[in-house]
Each structure stands twice: as structure tokens, then as C-alpha cells.
C-alpha atoms as a PDB file:
ATOM      1  CA  MET A   1     127.312 107.282  89.611  1.00  0.00           C
ATOM      2  CA  PRO A   2     125.560 103.933  89.049  1.00  0.00           C
ATOM      3  CA  LEU A   3     126.102 101.136  91.566  1.00  0.00           C
ATOM      4  CA  VAL A   4     126.639  98.467  88.892  1.00  0.00           C
ATOM      5  CA  THR A   5     128.308  98.918  85.516  1.00  0.00           C
ATOM      6  CA  CYS A   6     129.490  96.433  82.914  1.00  0.00           C
ATOM      7  CA  PRO A   7     133.238  95.782  83.219  1.00  0.00           C
ATOM      8  CA  GLY A   8     133.399  95.366  79.428  1.00  0.00           C
ATOM      9  CA  CYS A   9     131.718  98.493  78.081  1.00  0.00           C
ATOM     10  CA  GLY A  10     130.550 100.556  81.087  1.00  0.00           C
ATOM     11  CA  GLU A  11     126.814 100.098  80.374  1.00  0.00           C
ATOM     12  CA  ASP A  12     124.627 100.645  83.460  1.00  0.00           C
ATOM     13  CA  GLU A  13     121.068 100.156  82.206  1.00  0.00           C
ATOM     14  CA  GLN A  14     120.915  97.187  79.828  1.00  0.00           C
ATOM     15  CA  LEU A  15     121.933  94.616  82.442  1.00  0.00           C
ATOM     16  CA  ILE A  16     120.187  91.332  83.216  1.00  0.00           C
ATOM     17  CA  GLY A  17     120.682  89.565  86.557  1.00  0.00           C
ATOM     18  CA  ARG A  18     119.862  86.027  87.585  1.00  0.00           C
ATOM     19  CA  SER A  19     120.488  83.798  90.587  1.00  0.00           C
ATOM     20  CA  VAL A  20     122.722  80.801  89.936  1.00  0.00           C
ATOM     21  CA  THR A  21     123.139  77.873  92.321  1.00  0.00           C
ATOM     22  CA  ASP A  22     126.515  76.155  92.109  1.00  0.00           C
ATOM     23  CA  GLY A  23     127.026  72.405  92.499  1.00  0.00           C
ATOM     24  CA  ASP A  24     127.868  72.813  96.195  1.00  0.00           C
ATOM     25  CA  GLY A  25     124.594  74.699  96.863  1.00  0.00           C
ATOM     26  CA  ALA A  26     126.170  78.159  97.056  1.00  0.00           C
ATOM     27  CA  GLU A  27     124.053  80.871  95.483  1.00  0.00           C
ATOM     28  CA  ARG A  28     125.556  83.734  93.514  1.00  0.00           C
ATOM     29  CA  ARG A  29     124.286  86.569  91.335  1.00  0.00           C
ATOM     30  CA  GLU A  30     125.299  86.503  87.659  1.00  0.00           C
ATOM     31  CA  LEU A  31     124.933  89.634  85.513  1.00  0.00           C
ATOM     32  CA  THR A  32     124.933  89.848  81.712  1.00  0.00           C
ATOM     33  CA  CYS A  33     125.269  93.017  79.666  1.00  0.00           C
ATOM     34  CA  GLU A  34     122.773  93.087  76.777  1.00  0.00           C
ATOM     35  CA  ARG A  35     124.914  95.645  74.976  1.00  0.00           C
ATOM     36  CA  CYS A  36     128.229  93.755  74.679  1.00  0.00           C
ATOM     37  CA  GLY A  37     127.415  90.253  76.017  1.00  0.00           C
ATOM     38  CA  THR A  38     129.877  90.321  78.948  1.00  0.00           C
ATOM     39  CA  THR A  39     128.886  88.034  81.852  1.00  0.00           C
ATOM     40  CA  TRP A  40     130.277  88.402  85.400  1.00  0.00           C
ATOM     41  CA  ASP A  41     129.457  87.593  89.023  1.00  0.00           C
ATOM     42  CA  ARG A  42     128.232  90.398  91.235  1.00  0.00           C
ATOM     43  CA  ASP A  43     129.543  90.499  94.780  1.00  0.00           C
ATOM     44  CA  VAL A  44     126.476  90.696  97.026  1.00  0.00           C
ATOM     45  CA  VAL A  45     128.396  91.476 100.241  1.00  0.00           C
ATOM     46  CA  PRO A  46     128.579  95.245 100.861  1.00  0.00           C
ATOM     47  CA  THR A  47     132.218  96.338 101.057  1.00  0.00           C
ATOM     48  CA  CYS A  48     133.761  99.583 102.283  1.00  0.00           C
ATOM     49  CA  ARG A  49     135.183 101.519  99.342  1.00  0.00           C
ATOM     50  CA  LEU A  50     137.815 103.067 101.621  1.00  0.00           C
ATOM     51  CA  CYS A  51     139.374 100.065 103.414  1.00  0.00           C
ATOM     52  CA  ARG A  52     137.684  97.048 101.686  1.00  0.00           C
ATOM     53  CA  SER A  53     136.282  95.794 105.019  1.00  0.00           C
ATOM     54  CA  THR A  54     132.918  94.013 105.165  1.00  0.00           C
ATOM     55  CA  ASP A  55     132.276  95.164 108.756  1.00  0.00           C
ATOM     56  CA  ILE A  56     129.790  97.828 107.719  1.00  0.00           C
ATOM     57  CA  GLU A  57     126.305  98.690 108.920  1.00  0.00           C
ATOM     58  CA  GLY A  58     123.405 100.496 107.285  1.00  0.00           C
ATOM     59  CA  ILE A  59     122.016 103.330 109.385  1.00  0.00           C
ATOM     60  CA  PRO A  60     118.706 104.963 108.377  1.00  0.00           C
ATOM     61  CA  THR A  61     119.299 108.607 107.480  1.00  0.00           C
ATOM     62  CA  SER A  62     115.970 109.700 106.027  1.00  0.00           C
ATOM     63  CA  THR A  63     112.498 108.476 105.170  1.00  0.00           C
ATOM     64  CA  LEU A  64     111.494 108.452 101.527  1.00  0.00           C
ATOM     65  CA  GLN A  65     107.961 109.719 100.941  1.00  0.00           C
ATOM     66  CA  GLU A  66     105.475 109.683  98.111  1.00  0.00           C
ATOM     67  CA  LYS A  67     102.226 111.505  97.495  1.00  0.00           C
ATOM     68  CA  GLY A  68      99.358 109.846  99.303  1.00  0.00           C
ATOM     69  CA  ARG A  69      95.672 110.764  99.378  1.00  0.00           C
ATOM     70  CA  GLY A  70      94.813 114.418  99.106  1.00  0.00           C
ATOM     71  CA  ASP A  71      97.530 116.594 100.605  1.00  0.00           C
ATOM     72  CA  GLN A  72      99.053 113.824 102.716  1.00  0.00           C
ATOM     73  CA  TRP A  73     102.440 112.203 102.188  1.00  0.00           C
ATOM     74  CA  ALA A  74     102.995 108.497 102.828  1.00  0.00           C
ATOM     75  CA  PRO A  75     106.304 106.838 103.731  1.00  0.00           C
ATOM     76  CA  SER A  76     107.600 104.656 100.902  1.00  0.00           C
ATOM     77  CA  GLY A  77     111.011 103.564 102.162  1.00  0.00           C
ATOM     78  CA  VAL A  78     114.109 104.450 104.131  1.00  0.00           C
ATOM     79  CA  ARG A  79     117.488 105.634 102.820  1.00  0.00           C
ATOM     80  CA  LEU A  80     120.391 103.802 104.411  1.00  0.00           C
ATOM     81  CA  ALA A  81     123.886 105.213 104.630  1.00  0.00           C
ATOM     82  CA  TYR A  82     126.520 102.565 105.255  1.00  0.00           C
ATOM     83  CA  TYR A  83     129.129 103.232 107.952  1.00  0.00           C
ATOM     84  CA  CYS A  84     132.331 101.197 108.310  1.00  0.00           C
ATOM     85  CA  TRP A  85     133.297  99.976 111.797  1.00  0.00           C
ATOM     86  CA  SER A  86     136.886  99.279 110.689  1.00  0.00           C
ATOM     87  CA  CYS A  87     137.905 102.702 109.357  1.00  0.00           C
ATOM     88  CA  ARG A  88     134.792 104.571 110.649  1.00  0.00           C
ATOM     89  CA  GLY A  89     134.113 106.032 107.215  1.00  0.00           C
ATOM     90  CA  ALA A  90     130.700 107.431 106.275  1.00  0.00           C
ATOM     91  CA  ASP A  91     128.494 106.427 103.322  1.00  0.00           C
ATOM     92  CA  VAL A  92     131.180 103.914 102.327  1.00  0.00           C
ATOM     93  CA  THR A  93     129.191 102.117  99.597  1.00  0.00           C
ATOM     94  CA  SER A  94     128.414 105.322  97.678  1.00  0.00           C
ATOM     95  CA  SER A  95     130.488 106.841  94.900  1.00  0.00           C
ATOM     96  CA  SER A  96     131.722 109.526  97.314  1.00  0.00           C
ATOM     97  CA  PRO A  97     132.619 107.895 100.670  1.00  0.00           C
ATOM     98  CA  ARG A  98     133.932 110.131 103.466  1.00  0.00           C
ATOM     99  CA  PRO A  99     136.843 108.945 105.640  1.00  0.00           C
ATOM    100  CA  GLY A 100     136.212 108.655 109.390  1.00  0.00           C
ATOM    101  CA  PRO A 101     135.824 109.182 112.197  1.00  0.00           C
ATOM    102  CA  GLN A 102     132.279 110.296 111.515  1.00  0.00           C
ATOM    103  CA  PRO A 103     129.458 111.120 113.917  1.00  0.00           C
ATOM    104  CA  ALA A 104     126.218 109.240 113.539  1.00  0.00           C
ATOM    105  CA  PRO A 105     123.743 111.024 111.259  1.00  0.00           C
ATOM    106  CA  GLY A 106     121.523 113.527 113.011  1.00  0.00           C
ATOM    107  CA  SER A 107     123.380 113.525 116.316  1.00  0.00           C
ATOM    108  CA  GLY A 108     126.703 114.356 117.895  1.00  0.00           C
ATOM    109  CA  GLN A 109     127.340 110.835 119.213  1.00  0.00           C
ATOM    110  CA  ASP A 110     130.073 108.751 117.653  1.00  0.00           C
ATOM    111  CA  LEU A 111     129.335 105.462 115.902  1.00  0.00           C
ATOM    112  CA  THR A 112     130.641 103.332 118.761  1.00  0.00           C
ATOM    113  CA  GLY A 113     127.977 104.767 121.069  1.00  0.00           C
ATOM    114  CA  LEU A 114     125.308 104.176 118.429  1.00  0.00           C
ATOM    115  CA  ARG A 115     126.411 100.560 117.991  1.00  0.00           C
ATOM    116  CA  ARG A 116     126.255  99.891 121.754  1.00  0.00           C
ATOM    117  CA  ARG A 117     122.762 101.420 121.918  1.00  0.00           C
ATOM    118  CA  SER A 118     121.398  99.436 118.955  1.00  0.00           C
ATOM    119  CA  ARG A 119     122.518  96.000 120.188  1.00  0.00           C
END
């Protein structure tokens, strides 16, 4: 499921985004659909799809790799899964969030322990 779709026609590829600065200096992201012409503001604050909280944190779950020289692989990025501290849901910004409580990825510790360790 695409992260951004047009609210008018459902298009997810022919979208144009631009930064707009309001009169008070606040910056926002404005999207326009090339297919139907609908224009809307995109919310840039990640929000939990389960409880609508913004108290979420991205936790690295895997390293993305690409073919390097010869037979070697080179890291090209990190996949983040977002966990909600309010409802403790897992992967809460994806199209298939899982309700909490969830253990941290790759270990048996709960998220509260992970948060204490990372701060």
C-alpha cells in the first residue's frame, strides 16, 4: 500500500510536492495530483495509525544493501519500523500496524527498556 495517495482519485504515482512557507514563517508540504488536479497539504509529523499519537520512534530493523564491487555487498540504508510509546504498537506508520505491547525487534526486551537504554 502506498504511503501517499490523492484524496480525490487515489493516484499514488503522478504526485508533485513542493514546500510552501506561510506568512507567519511556518513551512508545510503541498501536494498536487497531476491526474485530477487536487491539491492538499501533507502532514509531515508521523502519526500512529492505531491511536493517532505522535509519540512514536523509529527503530532500525534491518540494513538495506546493494551490490558493491565484485562479490561484495555495500550498505545503502536502514529500514526503520516505527513503534508507538502511547499504545506500544509495532510498525504503526505502515499499512498493517500491529497492536502492542510489542517486544523490540531482534530481542526479547520490551520497548520501555530499549527507550531507557537509548537515551
